[in-house]
Amino acid sequence: MLADDPMESIMEFKTLIQQMTQAAVRGDGPGVVACFCENGIYHDVFYGEFRGSAIINLIEGHFHRDGKDFQWDLYDAIEQNGIGYARYVFSYASKLGS
């Protein structure tokens, strides 16, 4: 649960989302999962929905199998009433043939 103080809550969300995205960039599936609740869902536009520990397979078995040189930059992270938002730029180089 995030903090009661709105500014502290925003900082906690910002830290959490940064930890999650940087773990994904490193290929650290368990590090990504640690940022979710037990039944947390990550929906990926390419690979679909992954729940709980299956997120490890998304990161290690799909992201880093099919791509390299990941970059995930976050901007303007904000949280209110338990919902967080952030703008981001995500890029990678594909390992897949054309």
PDB file of N, CA and C in Angstrom:
ATOM      1  N   MET A   1       0.841  -1.174   0.000  1.00  0.00           N
ATOM      2  CA  MET A   1       0.000   0.000   0.000  1.00  0.00           C
ATOM      3  C   MET A   1       0.886   1.236   0.000  1.00  0.00           C
ATOM      4  N   LEU A   2       0.475   2.210  -0.769  1.00  0.00           N
ATOM      5  CA  LEU A   2       1.254   3.436  -0.861  1.00  0.00           C
ATOM      6  C   LEU A   2       0.950   4.346   0.322  1.00  0.00           C
ATOM      7  N   ALA A   3       1.792   5.322   0.546  1.00  0.00           N
ATOM      8  CA  ALA A   3       1.716   6.211   1.699  1.00  0.00           C
ATOM      9  C   ALA A   3       0.464   7.078   1.685  1.00  0.00           C
ATOM     10  N   ASP A   4       0.100   7.586   2.881  1.00  0.00           N
ATOM     11  CA  ASP A   4      -1.048   8.488   3.003  1.00  0.00           C
ATOM     12  C   ASP A   4      -0.722   9.892   2.506  1.00  0.00           C
ATOM     13  N   ASP A   5       0.516  10.333   2.683  1.00  0.00           N
ATOM     14  CA  ASP A   5       0.945  11.651   2.224  1.00  0.00           C
ATOM     15  C   ASP A   5       1.085  11.613   0.702  1.00  0.00           C
ATOM     16  N   PRO A   6       0.347  12.485  -0.028  1.00  0.00           N
ATOM     17  CA  PRO A   6       0.385  12.434  -1.496  1.00  0.00           C
ATOM     18  C   PRO A   6       1.792  12.544  -2.082  1.00  0.00           C
ATOM     19  N   MET A   7       2.642  13.408  -1.549  1.00  0.00           N
ATOM     20  CA  MET A   7       3.994  13.550  -2.094  1.00  0.00           C
ATOM     21  C   MET A   7       4.831  12.298  -1.820  1.00  0.00           C
ATOM     22  N   GLU A   8       4.685  11.736  -0.628  1.00  0.00           N
ATOM     23  CA  GLU A   8       5.412  10.506  -0.308  1.00  0.00           C
ATOM     24  C   GLU A   8       4.912   9.364  -1.185  1.00  0.00           C
ATOM     25  N   SER A   9       3.614   9.331  -1.420  1.00  0.00           N
ATOM     26  CA  SER A   9       3.019   8.292  -2.260  1.00  0.00           C
ATOM     27  C   SER A   9       3.544   8.377  -3.687  1.00  0.00           C
ATOM     28  N   ILE A  10       3.651   9.595  -4.223  1.00  0.00           N
ATOM     29  CA  ILE A  10       4.179   9.779  -5.577  1.00  0.00           C
ATOM     30  C   ILE A  10       5.622   9.291  -5.638  1.00  0.00           C
ATOM     31  N   MET A  11       6.414   9.605  -4.614  1.00  0.00           N
ATOM     32  CA  MET A  11       7.810   9.169  -4.602  1.00  0.00           C
ATOM     33  C   MET A  11       7.905   7.647  -4.501  1.00  0.00           C
ATOM     34  N   GLU A  12       7.038   7.017  -3.701  1.00  0.00           N
ATOM     35  CA  GLU A  12       7.052   5.562  -3.600  1.00  0.00           C
ATOM     36  C   GLU A  12       6.682   4.936  -4.942  1.00  0.00           C
ATOM     37  N   PHE A  13       5.666   5.471  -5.613  1.00  0.00           N
ATOM     38  CA  PHE A  13       5.274   4.935  -6.913  1.00  0.00           C
ATOM     39  C   PHE A  13       6.400   5.130  -7.921  1.00  0.00           C
ATOM     40  N   LYS A  14       6.998   6.312  -7.923  1.00  0.00           N
ATOM     41  CA  LYS A  14       8.088   6.589  -8.859  1.00  0.00           C
ATOM     42  C   LYS A  14       9.236   5.601  -8.649  1.00  0.00           C
ATOM     43  N   THR A  15       9.595   5.348  -7.403  1.00  0.00           N
ATOM     44  CA  THR A  15      10.655   4.386  -7.102  1.00  0.00           C
ATOM     45  C   THR A  15      10.265   2.990  -7.563  1.00  0.00           C
ATOM     46  N   LEU A  16       9.040   2.586  -7.286  1.00  0.00           N
ATOM     47  CA  LEU A  16       8.567   1.254  -7.666  1.00  0.00           C
ATOM     48  C   LEU A  16       8.573   1.069  -9.180  1.00  0.00           C
ATOM     49  N   ILE A  17       8.054   2.029  -9.920  1.00  0.00           N
ATOM     50  CA  ILE A  17       7.972   1.896 -11.377  1.00  0.00           C
ATOM     51  C   ILE A  17       9.375   1.948 -11.999  1.00  0.00           C
ATOM     52  N   GLN A  18      10.275   2.735 -11.397  1.00  0.00           N
ATOM     53  CA  GLN A  18      11.661   2.749 -11.879  1.00  0.00           C
ATOM     54  C   GLN A  18      12.337   1.404 -11.623  1.00  0.00           C
ATOM     55  N   GLN A  19      12.107   0.822 -10.452  1.00  0.00           N
ATOM     56  CA  GLN A  19      12.682  -0.494 -10.156  1.00  0.00           C
ATOM     57  C   GLN A  19      12.167  -1.535 -11.143  1.00  0.00           C
ATOM     58  N   MET A  20      10.862  -1.491 -11.435  1.00  0.00           N
ATOM     59  CA  MET A  20      10.275  -2.465 -12.350  1.00  0.00           C
ATOM     60  C   MET A  20      10.844  -2.328 -13.754  1.00  0.00           C
ATOM     61  N   THR A  21      10.882  -1.112 -14.275  1.00  0.00           N
ATOM     62  CA  THR A  21      11.337  -0.931 -15.651  1.00  0.00           C
ATOM     63  C   THR A  21      12.825  -1.233 -15.796  1.00  0.00           C
ATOM     64  N   GLN A  22      13.627  -0.854 -14.815  1.00  0.00           N
ATOM     65  CA  GLN A  22      15.062  -1.132 -14.911  1.00  0.00           C
ATOM     66  C   GLN A  22      15.352  -2.624 -14.768  1.00  0.00           C
ATOM     67  N   ALA A  23      14.571  -3.328 -13.951  1.00  0.00           N
ATOM     68  CA  ALA A  23      14.717  -4.787 -13.864  1.00  0.00           C
ATOM     69  C   ALA A  23      14.379  -5.421 -15.208  1.00  0.00           C
ATOM     70  N   ALA A  24      13.340  -4.928 -15.869  1.00  0.00           N
ATOM     71  CA  ALA A  24      12.969  -5.456 -17.189  1.00  0.00           C
ATOM     72  C   ALA A  24      14.091  -5.213 -18.195  1.00  0.00           C
ATOM     73  N   VAL A  25      14.668  -4.032 -18.174  1.00  0.00           N
ATOM     74  CA  VAL A  25      15.765  -3.696 -19.089  1.00  0.00           C
ATOM     75  C   VAL A  25      16.961  -4.631 -18.869  1.00  0.00           C
ATOM     76  N   ARG A  26      17.232  -4.970 -17.610  1.00  0.00           N
ATOM     77  CA  ARG A  26      18.359  -5.870 -17.279  1.00  0.00           C
ATOM     78  C   ARG A  26      18.055  -7.336 -17.575  1.00  0.00           C
ATOM     79  N   GLY A  27      16.787  -7.667 -17.786  1.00  0.00           N
ATOM     80  CA  GLY A  27      16.413  -9.068 -17.975  1.00  0.00           C
ATOM     81  C   GLY A  27      16.215  -9.801 -16.663  1.00  0.00           C
ATOM     82  N   ASP A  28      15.948  -9.064 -15.605  1.00  0.00           N
ATOM     83  CA  ASP A  28      15.777  -9.600 -14.257  1.00  0.00           C
ATOM     84  C   ASP A  28      14.295  -9.882 -13.995  1.00  0.00           C
ATOM     85  N   GLY A  29      13.820 -11.045 -14.445  1.00  0.00           N
ATOM     86  CA  GLY A  29      12.418 -11.408 -14.265  1.00  0.00           C
ATOM     87  C   GLY A  29      11.962 -11.389 -12.818  1.00  0.00           C
ATOM     88  N   PRO A  30      12.709 -12.017 -11.883  1.00  0.00           N
ATOM     89  CA  PRO A  30      12.303 -11.962 -10.480  1.00  0.00           C
ATOM     90  C   PRO A  30      12.253 -10.528  -9.933  1.00  0.00           C
ATOM     91  N   GLY A  31      13.143  -9.670 -10.407  1.00  0.00           N
ATOM     92  CA  GLY A  31      13.116  -8.270  -9.989  1.00  0.00           C
ATOM     93  C   GLY A  31      11.860  -7.555 -10.448  1.00  0.00           C
ATOM     94  N   VAL A  32      11.384  -7.879 -11.639  1.00  0.00           N
ATOM     95  CA  VAL A  32      10.128  -7.303 -12.133  1.00  0.00           C
ATOM     96  C   VAL A  32       8.971  -7.821 -11.295  1.00  0.00           C
ATOM     97  N   VAL A  33       8.913  -9.131 -11.079  1.00  0.00           N
ATOM     98  CA  VAL A  33       7.821  -9.734 -10.306  1.00  0.00           C
ATOM     99  C   VAL A  33       7.754  -9.149  -8.900  1.00  0.00           C
ATOM    100  N   ALA A  34       8.896  -8.825  -8.309  1.00  0.00           N
ATOM    101  CA  ALA A  34       8.933  -8.263  -6.962  1.00  0.00           C
ATOM    102  C   ALA A  34       8.207  -6.924  -6.870  1.00  0.00           C
ATOM    103  N   CYS A  35       7.963  -6.279  -7.990  1.00  0.00           N
ATOM    104  CA  CYS A  35       7.275  -4.987  -8.013  1.00  0.00           C
ATOM    105  C   CYS A  35       5.759  -5.135  -8.136  1.00  0.00           C
ATOM    106  N   PHE A  36       5.272  -6.351  -8.233  1.00  0.00           N
ATOM    107  CA  PHE A  36       3.841  -6.624  -8.376  1.00  0.00           C
ATOM    108  C   PHE A  36       3.323  -7.345  -7.139  1.00  0.00           C
ATOM    109  N   CYS A  37       2.016  -7.233  -6.889  1.00  0.00           N
ATOM    110  CA  CYS A  37       1.404  -8.080  -5.875  1.00  0.00           C
ATOM    111  C   CYS A  37       1.344  -9.504  -6.429  1.00  0.00           C
ATOM    112  N   GLU A  38       1.024 -10.471  -5.593  1.00  0.00           N
ATOM    113  CA  GLU A  38       1.084 -11.887  -5.976  1.00  0.00           C
ATOM    114  C   GLU A  38       0.304 -12.202  -7.248  1.00  0.00           C
ATOM    115  N   ASN A  39      -0.857 -11.616  -7.420  1.00  0.00           N
ATOM    116  CA  ASN A  39      -1.687 -11.860  -8.608  1.00  0.00           C
ATOM    117  C   ASN A  39      -1.574 -10.734  -9.623  1.00  0.00           C
ATOM    118  N   GLY A  40      -0.557  -9.897  -9.493  1.00  0.00           N
ATOM    119  CA  GLY A  40      -0.404  -8.760 -10.391  1.00  0.00           C
ATOM    120  C   GLY A  40      -0.331  -9.187 -11.847  1.00  0.00           C
ATOM    121  N   ILE A  41      -0.854  -8.346 -12.715  1.00  0.00           N
ATOM    122  CA  ILE A  41      -0.901  -8.647 -14.146  1.00  0.00           C
ATOM    123  C   ILE A  41      -0.092  -7.610 -14.909  1.00  0.00           C
ATOM    124  N   TYR A  42       0.773  -8.093 -15.796  1.00  0.00           N
ATOM    125  CA  TYR A  42       1.464  -7.227 -16.744  1.00  0.00           C
ATOM    126  C   TYR A  42       0.895  -7.554 -18.111  1.00  0.00           C
ATOM    127  N   HIS A  43       0.354  -6.544 -18.778  1.00  0.00           N
ATOM    128  CA  HIS A  43      -0.168  -6.752 -20.129  1.00  0.00           C
ATOM    129  C   HIS A  43       0.814  -6.132 -21.110  1.00  0.00           C
ATOM    130  N   ASP A  44       1.351  -6.975 -21.960  1.00  0.00           N
ATOM    131  CA  ASP A  44       2.309  -6.532 -22.960  1.00  0.00           C
ATOM    132  C   ASP A  44       1.623  -6.473 -24.318  1.00  0.00           C
ATOM    133  N   VAL A  45       1.838  -5.401 -25.045  1.00  0.00           N
ATOM    134  CA  VAL A  45       1.180  -5.205 -26.339  1.00  0.00           C
ATOM    135  C   VAL A  45       1.594  -6.268 -27.360  1.00  0.00           C
ATOM    136  N   PHE A  46       2.798  -6.819 -27.248  1.00  0.00           N
ATOM    137  CA  PHE A  46       3.264  -7.836 -28.194  1.00  0.00           C
ATOM    138  C   PHE A  46       2.922  -9.257 -27.749  1.00  0.00           C
ATOM    139  N   TYR A  47       3.140  -9.547 -26.475  1.00  0.00           N
ATOM    140  CA  TYR A  47       3.067 -10.925 -25.990  1.00  0.00           C
ATOM    141  C   TYR A  47       1.821 -11.243 -25.170  1.00  0.00           C
ATOM    142  N   GLY A  48       1.019 -10.247 -24.838  1.00  0.00           N
ATOM    143  CA  GLY A  48      -0.218 -10.499 -24.107  1.00  0.00           C
ATOM    144  C   GLY A  48      -0.079 -10.364 -22.601  1.00  0.00           C
ATOM    145  N   GLU A  49      -0.970 -11.058 -21.893  1.00  0.00           N
ATOM    146  CA  GLU A  49      -1.102 -10.913 -20.449  1.00  0.00           C
ATOM    147  C   GLU A  49      -0.310 -11.983 -19.701  1.00  0.00           C
ATOM    148  N   PHE A  50       0.417 -11.534 -18.679  1.00  0.00           N
ATOM    149  CA  PHE A  50       1.177 -12.431 -17.818  1.00  0.00           C
ATOM    150  C   PHE A  50       0.829 -12.093 -16.377  1.00  0.00           C
ATOM    151  N   ARG A  51       0.543 -13.122 -15.577  1.00  0.00           N
ATOM    152  CA  ARG A  51       0.096 -12.931 -14.194  1.00  0.00           C
ATOM    153  C   ARG A  51       1.099 -13.546 -13.217  1.00  0.00           C
ATOM    154  N   GLY A  52       1.368 -12.802 -12.132  1.00  0.00           N
ATOM    155  CA  GLY A  52       2.213 -13.320 -11.058  1.00  0.00           C
ATOM    156  C   GLY A  52       3.580 -13.753 -11.548  1.00  0.00           C
ATOM    157  N   SER A  53       4.007 -14.930 -11.116  1.00  0.00           N
ATOM    158  CA  SER A  53       5.359 -15.392 -11.449  1.00  0.00           C
ATOM    159  C   SER A  53       5.549 -15.678 -12.937  1.00  0.00           C
ATOM    160  N   ALA A  54       4.461 -15.764 -13.709  1.00  0.00           N
ATOM    161  CA  ALA A  54       4.589 -15.939 -15.165  1.00  0.00           C
ATOM    162  C   ALA A  54       5.254 -14.725 -15.814  1.00  0.00           C
ATOM    163  N   ILE A  55       5.282 -13.598 -15.102  1.00  0.00           N
ATOM    164  CA  ILE A  55       5.946 -12.397 -15.613  1.00  0.00           C
ATOM    165  C   ILE A  55       7.440 -12.671 -15.823  1.00  0.00           C
ATOM    166  N   ILE A  56       8.008 -13.560 -15.019  1.00  0.00           N
ATOM    167  CA  ILE A  56       9.421 -13.923 -15.196  1.00  0.00           C
ATOM    168  C   ILE A  56       9.642 -14.459 -16.606  1.00  0.00           C
ATOM    169  N   ASN A  57       8.749 -15.314 -17.075  1.00  0.00           N
ATOM    170  CA  ASN A  57       8.861 -15.873 -18.425  1.00  0.00           C
ATOM    171  C   ASN A  57       8.726 -14.788 -19.486  1.00  0.00           C
ATOM    172  N   LEU A  58       7.866 -13.815 -19.258  1.00  0.00           N
ATOM    173  CA  LEU A  58       7.742 -12.706 -20.206  1.00  0.00           C
ATOM    174  C   LEU A  58       9.088 -12.008 -20.364  1.00  0.00           C
ATOM    175  N   ILE A  59       9.704 -11.670 -19.249  1.00  0.00           N
ATOM    176  CA  ILE A  59      10.956 -10.911 -19.285  1.00  0.00           C
ATOM    177  C   ILE A  59      12.108 -11.758 -19.822  1.00  0.00           C
ATOM    178  N   GLU A  60      12.287 -12.945 -19.274  1.00  0.00           N
ATOM    179  CA  GLU A  60      13.452 -13.761 -19.619  1.00  0.00           C
ATOM    180  C   GLU A  60      13.230 -14.618 -20.861  1.00  0.00           C
ATOM    181  N   GLY A  61      11.994 -15.060 -21.088  1.00  0.00           N
ATOM    182  CA  GLY A  61      11.722 -15.968 -22.189  1.00  0.00           C
ATOM    183  C   GLY A  61      11.247 -15.303 -23.459  1.00  0.00           C
ATOM    184  N   HIS A  62      10.815 -14.049 -23.367  1.00  0.00           N
ATOM    185  CA  HIS A  62      10.308 -13.351 -24.549  1.00  0.00           C
ATOM    186  C   HIS A  62      11.086 -12.062 -24.818  1.00  0.00           C
ATOM    187  N   PHE A  63      11.031 -11.106 -23.856  1.00  0.00           N
ATOM    188  CA  PHE A  63      11.707  -9.816 -24.060  1.00  0.00           C
ATOM    189  C   PHE A  63      13.155 -10.023 -24.498  1.00  0.00           C
ATOM    190  N   HIS A  64      13.912 -10.715 -23.677  1.00  0.00           N
ATOM    191  CA  HIS A  64      15.356 -10.822 -23.910  1.00  0.00           C
ATOM    192  C   HIS A  64      15.720 -11.947 -24.867  1.00  0.00           C
ATOM    193  N   ARG A  65      14.763 -12.742 -25.253  1.00  0.00           N
ATOM    194  CA  ARG A  65      14.971 -13.713 -26.332  1.00  0.00           C
ATOM    195  C   ARG A  65      14.876 -12.996 -27.675  1.00  0.00           C
ATOM    196  N   ASP A  66      13.915 -12.068 -27.769  1.00  0.00           N
ATOM    197  CA  ASP A  66      13.592 -11.430 -29.045  1.00  0.00           C
ATOM    198  C   ASP A  66      14.177 -10.032 -29.216  1.00  0.00           C
ATOM    199  N   GLY A  67      14.754  -9.464 -28.158  1.00  0.00           N
ATOM    200  CA  GLY A  67      15.268  -8.104 -28.252  1.00  0.00           C
ATOM    201  C   GLY A  67      16.549  -7.911 -27.454  1.00  0.00           C
ATOM    202  N   LYS A  68      17.184  -6.771 -27.676  1.00  0.00           N
ATOM    203  CA  LYS A  68      18.406  -6.393 -26.949  1.00  0.00           C
ATOM    204  C   LYS A  68      18.473  -4.873 -26.901  1.00  0.00           C
ATOM    205  N   ASP A  69      19.437  -4.360 -26.173  1.00  0.00           N
ATOM    206  CA  ASP A  69      19.664  -2.908 -26.072  1.00  0.00           C
ATOM    207  C   ASP A  69      18.394  -2.170 -25.644  1.00  0.00           C
ATOM    208  N   PHE A  70      17.746  -2.676 -24.595  1.00  0.00           N
ATOM    209  CA  PHE A  70      16.510  -2.072 -24.104  1.00  0.00           C
ATOM    210  C   PHE A  70      16.779  -0.734 -23.430  1.00  0.00           C
ATOM    211  N   GLN A  71      15.861   0.178 -23.623  1.00  0.00           N
ATOM    212  CA  GLN A  71      15.873   1.451 -22.912  1.00  0.00           C
ATOM    213  C   GLN A  71      14.430   1.773 -22.558  1.00  0.00           C
ATOM    214  N   TRP A  72      14.192   2.146 -21.297  1.00  0.00           N
ATOM    215  CA  TRP A  72      12.839   2.435 -20.826  1.00  0.00           C
ATOM    216  C   TRP A  72      12.941   3.644 -19.915  1.00  0.00           C
ATOM    217  N   ASP A  73      12.623   4.807 -20.434  1.00  0.00           N
ATOM    218  CA  ASP A  73      12.727   6.064 -19.698  1.00  0.00           C
ATOM    219  C   ASP A  73      11.345   6.517 -19.253  1.00  0.00           C
ATOM    220  N   LEU A  74      11.233   6.914 -17.985  1.00  0.00           N
ATOM    221  CA  LEU A  74       9.963   7.338 -17.392  1.00  0.00           C
ATOM    222  C   LEU A  74       9.946   8.844 -17.175  1.00  0.00           C
ATOM    223  N   TYR A  75       8.759   9.412 -17.322  1.00  0.00           N
ATOM    224  CA  TYR A  75       8.564  10.848 -17.121  1.00  0.00           C
ATOM    225  C   TYR A  75       7.250  11.085 -16.386  1.00  0.00           C
ATOM    226  N   ASP A  76       7.255  12.081 -15.513  1.00  0.00           N
ATOM    227  CA  ASP A  76       6.031  12.571 -14.869  1.00  0.00           C
ATOM    228  C   ASP A  76       5.244  11.483 -14.150  1.00  0.00           C
ATOM    229  N   ALA A  77       5.929  10.644 -13.386  1.00  0.00           N
ATOM    230  CA  ALA A  77       5.221   9.617 -12.612  1.00  0.00           C
ATOM    231  C   ALA A  77       4.332  10.278 -11.569  1.00  0.00           C
ATOM    232  N   ILE A  78       3.111   9.798 -11.467  1.00  0.00           N
ATOM    233  CA  ILE A  78       2.152  10.345 -10.506  1.00  0.00           C
ATOM    234  C   ILE A  78       1.263   9.221 -10.007  1.00  0.00           C
ATOM    235  N   GLU A  79       0.844   9.327  -8.750  1.00  0.00           N
ATOM    236  CA  GLU A  79      -0.058   8.349  -8.150  1.00  0.00           C
ATOM    237  C   GLU A  79      -1.144   9.098  -7.407  1.00  0.00           C
ATOM    238  N   GLN A  80      -2.369   8.598  -7.526  1.00  0.00           N
ATOM    239  CA  GLN A  80      -3.482   9.165  -6.769  1.00  0.00           C
ATOM    240  C   GLN A  80      -4.503   8.067  -6.527  1.00  0.00           C
ATOM    241  N   ASN A  81      -4.939   7.960  -5.295  1.00  0.00           N
ATOM    242  CA  ASN A  81      -5.956   6.971  -4.916  1.00  0.00           C
ATOM    243  C   ASN A  81      -5.560   5.549  -5.312  1.00  0.00           C
ATOM    244  N   GLY A  82      -4.279   5.233  -5.187  1.00  0.00           N
ATOM    245  CA  GLY A  82      -3.819   3.875  -5.440  1.00  0.00           C
ATOM    246  C   GLY A  82      -3.598   3.515  -6.894  1.00  0.00           C
ATOM    247  N   ILE A  83      -3.722   4.479  -7.798  1.00  0.00           N
ATOM    248  CA  ILE A  83      -3.493   4.230  -9.223  1.00  0.00           C
ATOM    249  C   ILE A  83      -2.334   5.105  -9.673  1.00  0.00           C
ATOM    250  N   GLY A  84      -1.357   4.489 -10.332  1.00  0.00           N
ATOM    251  CA  GLY A  84      -0.190   5.227 -10.783  1.00  0.00           C
ATOM    252  C   GLY A  84      -0.145   5.347 -12.292  1.00  0.00           C
ATOM    253  N   TYR A  85       0.405   6.439 -12.745  1.00  0.00           N
ATOM    254  CA  TYR A  85       0.567   6.706 -14.172  1.00  0.00           C
ATOM    255  C   TYR A  85       1.962   7.271 -14.408  1.00  0.00           C
ATOM    256  N   ALA A  86       2.499   7.011 -15.589  1.00  0.00           N
ATOM    257  CA  ALA A  86       3.765   7.623 -15.988  1.00  0.00           C
ATOM    258  C   ALA A  86       3.836   7.634 -17.508  1.00  0.00           C
ATOM    259  N   ARG A  87       4.382   8.701 -18.055  1.00  0.00           N
ATOM    260  CA  ARG A  87       4.694   8.704 -19.488  1.00  0.00           C
ATOM    261  C   ARG A  87       6.025   7.985 -19.633  1.00  0.00           C
ATOM    262  N   TYR A  88       6.238   7.370 -20.780  1.00  0.00           N
ATOM    263  CA  TYR A  88       7.496   6.663 -20.969  1.00  0.00           C
ATOM    264  C   TYR A  88       7.877   6.599 -22.441  1.00  0.00           C
ATOM    265  N   VAL A  89       9.162   6.380 -22.655  1.00  0.00           N
ATOM    266  CA  VAL A  89       9.701   6.073 -23.978  1.00  0.00           C
ATOM    267  C   VAL A  89      10.400   4.729 -23.828  1.00  0.00           C
ATOM    268  N   PHE A  90      10.008   3.774 -24.658  1.00  0.00           N
ATOM    269  CA  PHE A  90      10.549   2.416 -24.609  1.00  0.00           C
ATOM    270  C   PHE A  90      11.129   2.090 -25.971  1.00  0.00           C
ATOM    271  N   SER A  91      12.351   1.579 -25.983  1.00  0.00           N
ATOM    272  CA  SER A  91      12.947   1.186 -27.261  1.00  0.00           C
ATOM    273  C   SER A  91      13.840  -0.031 -27.054  1.00  0.00           C
ATOM    274  N   TYR A  92      14.091  -0.722 -28.166  1.00  0.00           N
ATOM    275  CA  TYR A  92      14.949  -1.896 -28.154  1.00  0.00           C
ATOM    276  C   TYR A  92      15.363  -2.207 -29.583  1.00  0.00           C
ATOM    277  N   ALA A  93      16.358  -3.055 -29.724  1.00  0.00           N
ATOM    278  CA  ALA A  93      16.761  -3.570 -31.035  1.00  0.00           C
ATOM    279  C   ALA A  93      16.262  -5.005 -31.130  1.00  0.00           C
ATOM    280  N   SER A  94      15.585  -5.314 -32.203  1.00  0.00           N
ATOM    281  CA  SER A  94      15.028  -6.652 -32.388  1.00  0.00           C
ATOM    282  C   SER A  94      16.119  -7.653 -32.752  1.00  0.00           C
ATOM    283  N   LYS A  95      16.005  -8.853 -32.202  1.00  0.00           N
ATOM    284  CA  LYS A  95      16.875  -9.963 -32.584  1.00  0.00           C
ATOM    285  C   LYS A  95      16.215 -10.823 -33.660  1.00  0.00           C
ATOM    286  N   LEU A  96      14.942 -10.534 -33.952  1.00  0.00           N
ATOM    287  CA  LEU A  96      14.192 -11.320 -34.927  1.00  0.00           C
ATOM    288  C   LEU A  96      14.555 -10.893 -36.341  1.00  0.00           C
ATOM    289  N   GLY A  97      14.517 -11.816 -37.253  1.00  0.00           N
ATOM    290  CA  GLY A  97      14.780 -11.496 -38.657  1.00  0.00           C
ATOM    291  C   GLY A  97      13.684 -10.616 -39.225  1.00  0.00           C
ATOM    292  N   SER A  98      13.956  -9.975 -40.331  1.00  0.00           N
ATOM    293  CA  SER A  98      12.972  -9.064 -40.915  1.00  0.00           C
ATOM    294  C   SER A  98      11.920  -9.734 -41.696  1.00  0.00           C
TER     295      SER A  98
END
